[in-house]
Amino acid sequence: MSRSERWLRLAGIWLTVYPSVALMSYLLEWLDVDWPLWAEILLTTAITVPLISWVSVPLIERILARRRNESRAELKRDEARDIRD
């Protein structure tokens, strides 16, 4: 995976994490929820992590594969090969 592809992946994931955490923070404040910090973080991560895993990463992989004219499977195979080498 090239450096630009790594940066694209990083930026895509960050663009998922930041808005979802900020939105949850504002939502909890707006609802006037007085939970302990650990509970707020638990709720926020319970929403953010699946969003990254099931939406953001597959979308980023699809974009990267299209840029290479490959399928997502070929992209993943190349990444696995890079890790082994």
N, C-alpha and C. Protein backbone atom coordinates (compact mmCIF):
# COMPACT_ATOMS: atom_id res chain seq x y z
N MET A 1 0.85 -1.16 0.00
CA MET A 1 0.00 0.00 0.00
C MET A 1 0.90 1.24 0.00
N SER A 2 0.60 2.15 -0.88
CA SER A 2 1.43 3.35 -0.99
C SER A 2 1.16 4.32 0.16
N ARG A 3 2.04 5.27 0.29
CA ARG A 3 1.89 6.27 1.35
C ARG A 3 0.60 7.07 1.17
N SER A 4 0.27 7.44 -0.07
CA SER A 4 -0.95 8.21 -0.30
C SER A 4 -2.20 7.39 0.04
N GLU A 5 -2.14 6.09 -0.22
CA GLU A 5 -3.27 5.23 0.14
C GLU A 5 -3.41 5.12 1.65
N ARG A 6 -2.30 5.06 2.36
CA ARG A 6 -2.36 5.03 3.83
C ARG A 6 -2.94 6.32 4.37
N TRP A 7 -2.55 7.45 3.79
CA TRP A 7 -3.09 8.74 4.23
C TRP A 7 -4.58 8.84 3.92
N LEU A 8 -5.00 8.32 2.78
CA LEU A 8 -6.42 8.34 2.43
C LEU A 8 -7.22 7.51 3.43
N ARG A 9 -6.70 6.36 3.79
CA ARG A 9 -7.37 5.51 4.78
C ARG A 9 -7.45 6.22 6.13
N LEU A 10 -6.35 6.79 6.55
CA LEU A 10 -6.30 7.51 7.82
C LEU A 10 -7.31 8.66 7.83
N ALA A 11 -7.33 9.45 6.77
CA ALA A 11 -8.24 10.59 6.69
C ALA A 11 -9.70 10.13 6.68
N GLY A 12 -9.98 9.07 5.96
CA GLY A 12 -11.35 8.56 5.90
C GLY A 12 -11.85 8.07 7.25
N ILE A 13 -10.99 7.39 7.97
CA ILE A 13 -11.38 6.90 9.29
C ILE A 13 -11.54 8.08 10.25
N TRP A 14 -10.63 9.03 10.19
CA TRP A 14 -10.75 10.20 11.06
C TRP A 14 -12.02 10.98 10.75
N LEU A 15 -12.37 11.09 9.47
CA LEU A 15 -13.60 11.79 9.08
C LEU A 15 -14.85 11.04 9.52
N THR A 16 -14.72 9.82 9.92
CA THR A 16 -15.83 9.08 10.52
C THR A 16 -15.84 9.25 12.03
N VAL A 17 -14.67 9.16 12.63
CA VAL A 17 -14.58 9.21 14.09
C VAL A 17 -14.96 10.58 14.63
N TYR A 18 -14.33 11.63 14.14
CA TYR A 18 -14.54 12.96 14.71
C TYR A 18 -16.00 13.40 14.68
N PRO A 19 -16.67 13.36 13.52
CA PRO A 19 -18.07 13.80 13.52
C PRO A 19 -18.99 12.95 14.40
N SER A 20 -18.75 11.64 14.43
CA SER A 20 -19.63 10.80 15.23
C SER A 20 -19.43 11.06 16.72
N VAL A 21 -18.19 11.25 17.16
CA VAL A 21 -17.93 11.55 18.57
C VAL A 21 -18.49 12.94 18.92
N ALA A 22 -18.27 13.91 18.04
CA ALA A 22 -18.78 15.26 18.30
C ALA A 22 -20.31 15.26 18.34
N LEU A 23 -20.94 14.57 17.41
CA LEU A 23 -22.40 14.49 17.38
C LEU A 23 -22.95 13.85 18.65
N MET A 24 -22.33 12.76 19.08
CA MET A 24 -22.78 12.10 20.30
C MET A 24 -22.60 13.01 21.52
N SER A 25 -21.50 13.75 21.54
CA SER A 25 -21.26 14.67 22.64
C SER A 25 -22.34 15.75 22.71
N TYR A 26 -22.64 16.34 21.55
CA TYR A 26 -23.69 17.36 21.51
C TYR A 26 -25.06 16.77 21.84
N LEU A 27 -25.31 15.58 21.37
CA LEU A 27 -26.59 14.93 21.64
C LEU A 27 -26.77 14.67 23.13
N LEU A 28 -25.75 14.15 23.77
CA LEU A 28 -25.84 13.89 25.21
C LEU A 28 -25.99 15.19 26.00
N GLU A 29 -25.33 16.24 25.54
CA GLU A 29 -25.46 17.54 26.20
C GLU A 29 -26.87 18.09 26.00
N TRP A 30 -27.39 17.98 24.77
CA TRP A 30 -28.73 18.49 24.45
C TRP A 30 -29.81 17.75 25.24
N LEU A 31 -29.62 16.43 25.40
CA LEU A 31 -30.57 15.63 26.16
C LEU A 31 -30.42 15.82 27.66
N ASP A 32 -29.40 16.58 28.04
CA ASP A 32 -29.11 16.86 29.44
C ASP A 32 -28.90 15.57 30.23
N VAL A 33 -28.15 14.66 29.61
CA VAL A 33 -27.83 13.39 30.24
C VAL A 33 -26.68 13.62 31.22
N ASP A 34 -26.88 13.23 32.45
CA ASP A 34 -25.86 13.42 33.48
C ASP A 34 -25.27 12.06 33.85
N TRP A 35 -24.57 11.48 32.88
CA TRP A 35 -23.96 10.18 33.09
C TRP A 35 -22.51 10.36 33.51
N PRO A 36 -21.94 9.37 34.16
CA PRO A 36 -20.50 9.42 34.42
C PRO A 36 -19.74 9.38 33.09
N LEU A 37 -18.55 9.93 33.10
CA LEU A 37 -17.75 10.01 31.88
C LEU A 37 -17.55 8.64 31.24
N TRP A 38 -17.31 7.61 32.05
CA TRP A 38 -17.06 6.29 31.48
C TRP A 38 -18.27 5.79 30.70
N ALA A 39 -19.48 6.11 31.16
CA ALA A 39 -20.70 5.67 30.47
C ALA A 39 -20.88 6.42 29.15
N GLU A 40 -20.56 7.71 29.15
CA GLU A 40 -20.65 8.48 27.91
C GLU A 40 -19.66 7.95 26.87
N ILE A 41 -18.45 7.65 27.33
CA ILE A 41 -17.44 7.12 26.41
C ILE A 41 -17.85 5.74 25.90
N LEU A 42 -18.42 4.93 26.77
CA LEU A 42 -18.90 3.60 26.37
C LEU A 42 -19.95 3.71 25.27
N LEU A 43 -20.92 4.60 25.45
CA LEU A 43 -21.97 4.78 24.44
C LEU A 43 -21.39 5.31 23.13
N THR A 44 -20.51 6.29 23.24
CA THR A 44 -19.92 6.89 22.04
C THR A 44 -19.11 5.87 21.25
N THR A 45 -18.30 5.07 21.94
CA THR A 45 -17.51 4.06 21.22
C THR A 45 -18.37 2.92 20.71
N ALA A 46 -19.47 2.63 21.40
CA ALA A 46 -20.38 1.57 20.94
C ALA A 46 -21.03 1.95 19.60
N ILE A 47 -21.11 3.22 19.33
CA ILE A 47 -21.67 3.68 18.05
C ILE A 47 -20.56 3.89 17.01
N THR A 48 -19.45 4.47 17.45
CA THR A 48 -18.37 4.84 16.53
C THR A 48 -17.64 3.62 15.96
N VAL A 49 -17.31 2.65 16.77
CA VAL A 49 -16.52 1.51 16.30
C VAL A 49 -17.27 0.71 15.22
N PRO A 50 -18.55 0.34 15.41
CA PRO A 50 -19.24 -0.35 14.32
C PRO A 50 -19.38 0.51 13.06
N LEU A 51 -19.56 1.82 13.25
CA LEU A 51 -19.65 2.72 12.10
C LEU A 51 -18.36 2.66 11.28
N ILE A 52 -17.24 2.66 11.96
CA ILE A 52 -15.95 2.56 11.26
C ILE A 52 -15.82 1.19 10.59
N SER A 53 -16.12 0.13 11.34
CA SER A 53 -15.91 -1.23 10.84
C SER A 53 -16.83 -1.60 9.69
N TRP A 54 -18.08 -1.18 9.76
CA TRP A 54 -19.06 -1.65 8.78
C TRP A 54 -19.37 -0.64 7.68
N VAL A 55 -19.00 0.62 7.87
CA VAL A 55 -19.31 1.63 6.87
C VAL A 55 -18.05 2.27 6.31
N SER A 56 -17.27 2.86 7.17
CA SER A 56 -16.13 3.66 6.73
C SER A 56 -15.04 2.83 6.06
N VAL A 57 -14.57 1.79 6.71
CA VAL A 57 -13.47 0.99 6.15
C VAL A 57 -13.87 0.32 4.83
N PRO A 58 -15.04 -0.32 4.73
CA PRO A 58 -15.41 -0.89 3.43
C PRO A 58 -15.51 0.16 2.31
N LEU A 59 -16.02 1.35 2.66
CA LEU A 59 -16.11 2.42 1.66
C LEU A 59 -14.72 2.86 1.22
N ILE A 60 -13.83 3.03 2.16
CA ILE A 60 -12.45 3.43 1.84
C ILE A 60 -11.77 2.36 1.00
N GLU A 61 -11.96 1.10 1.36
CA GLU A 61 -11.36 0.01 0.58
C GLU A 61 -11.91 0.00 -0.84
N ARG A 62 -13.19 0.25 -0.99
CA ARG A 62 -13.78 0.30 -2.33
C ARG A 62 -13.15 1.43 -3.16
N ILE A 63 -12.96 2.58 -2.53
CA ILE A 63 -12.34 3.73 -3.22
C ILE A 63 -10.90 3.40 -3.62
N LEU A 64 -10.15 2.83 -2.68
CA LEU A 64 -8.76 2.47 -2.99
C LEU A 64 -8.69 1.42 -4.10
N ALA A 65 -9.56 0.44 -4.06
CA ALA A 65 -9.56 -0.61 -5.09
C ALA A 65 -9.89 -0.02 -6.46
N ARG A 66 -10.85 0.90 -6.50
CA ARG A 66 -11.19 1.53 -7.78
C ARG A 66 -10.01 2.32 -8.33
N ARG A 67 -9.29 3.01 -7.44
CA ARG A 67 -8.13 3.78 -7.89
C ARG A 67 -7.07 2.87 -8.51
N ARG A 68 -6.99 1.63 -8.05
CA ARG A 68 -6.03 0.67 -8.57
C ARG A 68 -6.60 -0.20 -9.68
N ASN A 69 -7.88 -0.03 -9.99
CA ASN A 69 -8.57 -0.90 -10.95
C ASN A 69 -8.53 -2.35 -10.51
N GLU A 70 -8.79 -2.55 -9.22
CA GLU A 70 -8.81 -3.89 -8.63
C GLU A 70 -10.13 -4.09 -7.88
N SER A 71 -10.37 -5.33 -7.50
CA SER A 71 -11.50 -5.61 -6.61
C SER A 71 -11.04 -5.42 -5.17
N ARG A 72 -11.98 -5.35 -4.25
CA ARG A 72 -11.60 -5.25 -2.83
C ARG A 72 -10.80 -6.48 -2.40
N ALA A 73 -11.15 -7.65 -2.94
CA ALA A 73 -10.43 -8.88 -2.59
C ALA A 73 -8.97 -8.78 -3.03
N GLU A 74 -8.74 -8.26 -4.24
CA GLU A 74 -7.36 -8.12 -4.71
C GLU A 74 -6.59 -7.11 -3.85
N LEU A 75 -7.26 -6.05 -3.45
CA LEU A 75 -6.63 -5.05 -2.59
C LEU A 75 -6.22 -5.68 -1.26
N LYS A 76 -7.13 -6.44 -0.67
CA LYS A 76 -6.83 -7.09 0.61
C LYS A 76 -5.69 -8.12 0.46
N ARG A 77 -5.67 -8.84 -0.64
CA ARG A 77 -4.61 -9.81 -0.88
C ARG A 77 -3.26 -9.09 -0.99
N ASP A 78 -3.23 -7.95 -1.70
CA ASP A 78 -2.00 -7.18 -1.80
C ASP A 78 -1.55 -6.65 -0.44
N GLU A 79 -2.50 -6.20 0.37
CA GLU A 79 -2.15 -5.72 1.71
C GLU A 79 -1.56 -6.85 2.56
N ALA A 80 -2.16 -8.02 2.47
CA ALA A 80 -1.66 -9.17 3.23
C ALA A 80 -0.26 -9.54 2.76
N ARG A 81 -0.03 -9.48 1.47
CA ARG A 81 1.29 -9.76 0.92
C ARG A 81 2.31 -8.74 1.42
N ASP A 82 1.91 -7.46 1.48
CA ASP A 82 2.81 -6.41 1.97
C ASP A 82 3.20 -6.66 3.43
N ILE A 83 2.26 -7.12 4.23
CA ILE A 83 2.53 -7.37 5.64
C ILE A 83 3.50 -8.52 5.80
N ARG A 84 3.34 -9.57 4.99
CA ARG A 84 4.22 -10.74 5.09
C ARG A 84 5.65 -10.39 4.66
N ASP A 85 5.80 -9.51 3.70
CA ASP A 85 7.13 -9.19 3.16
C ASP A 85 7.90 -8.25 4.02
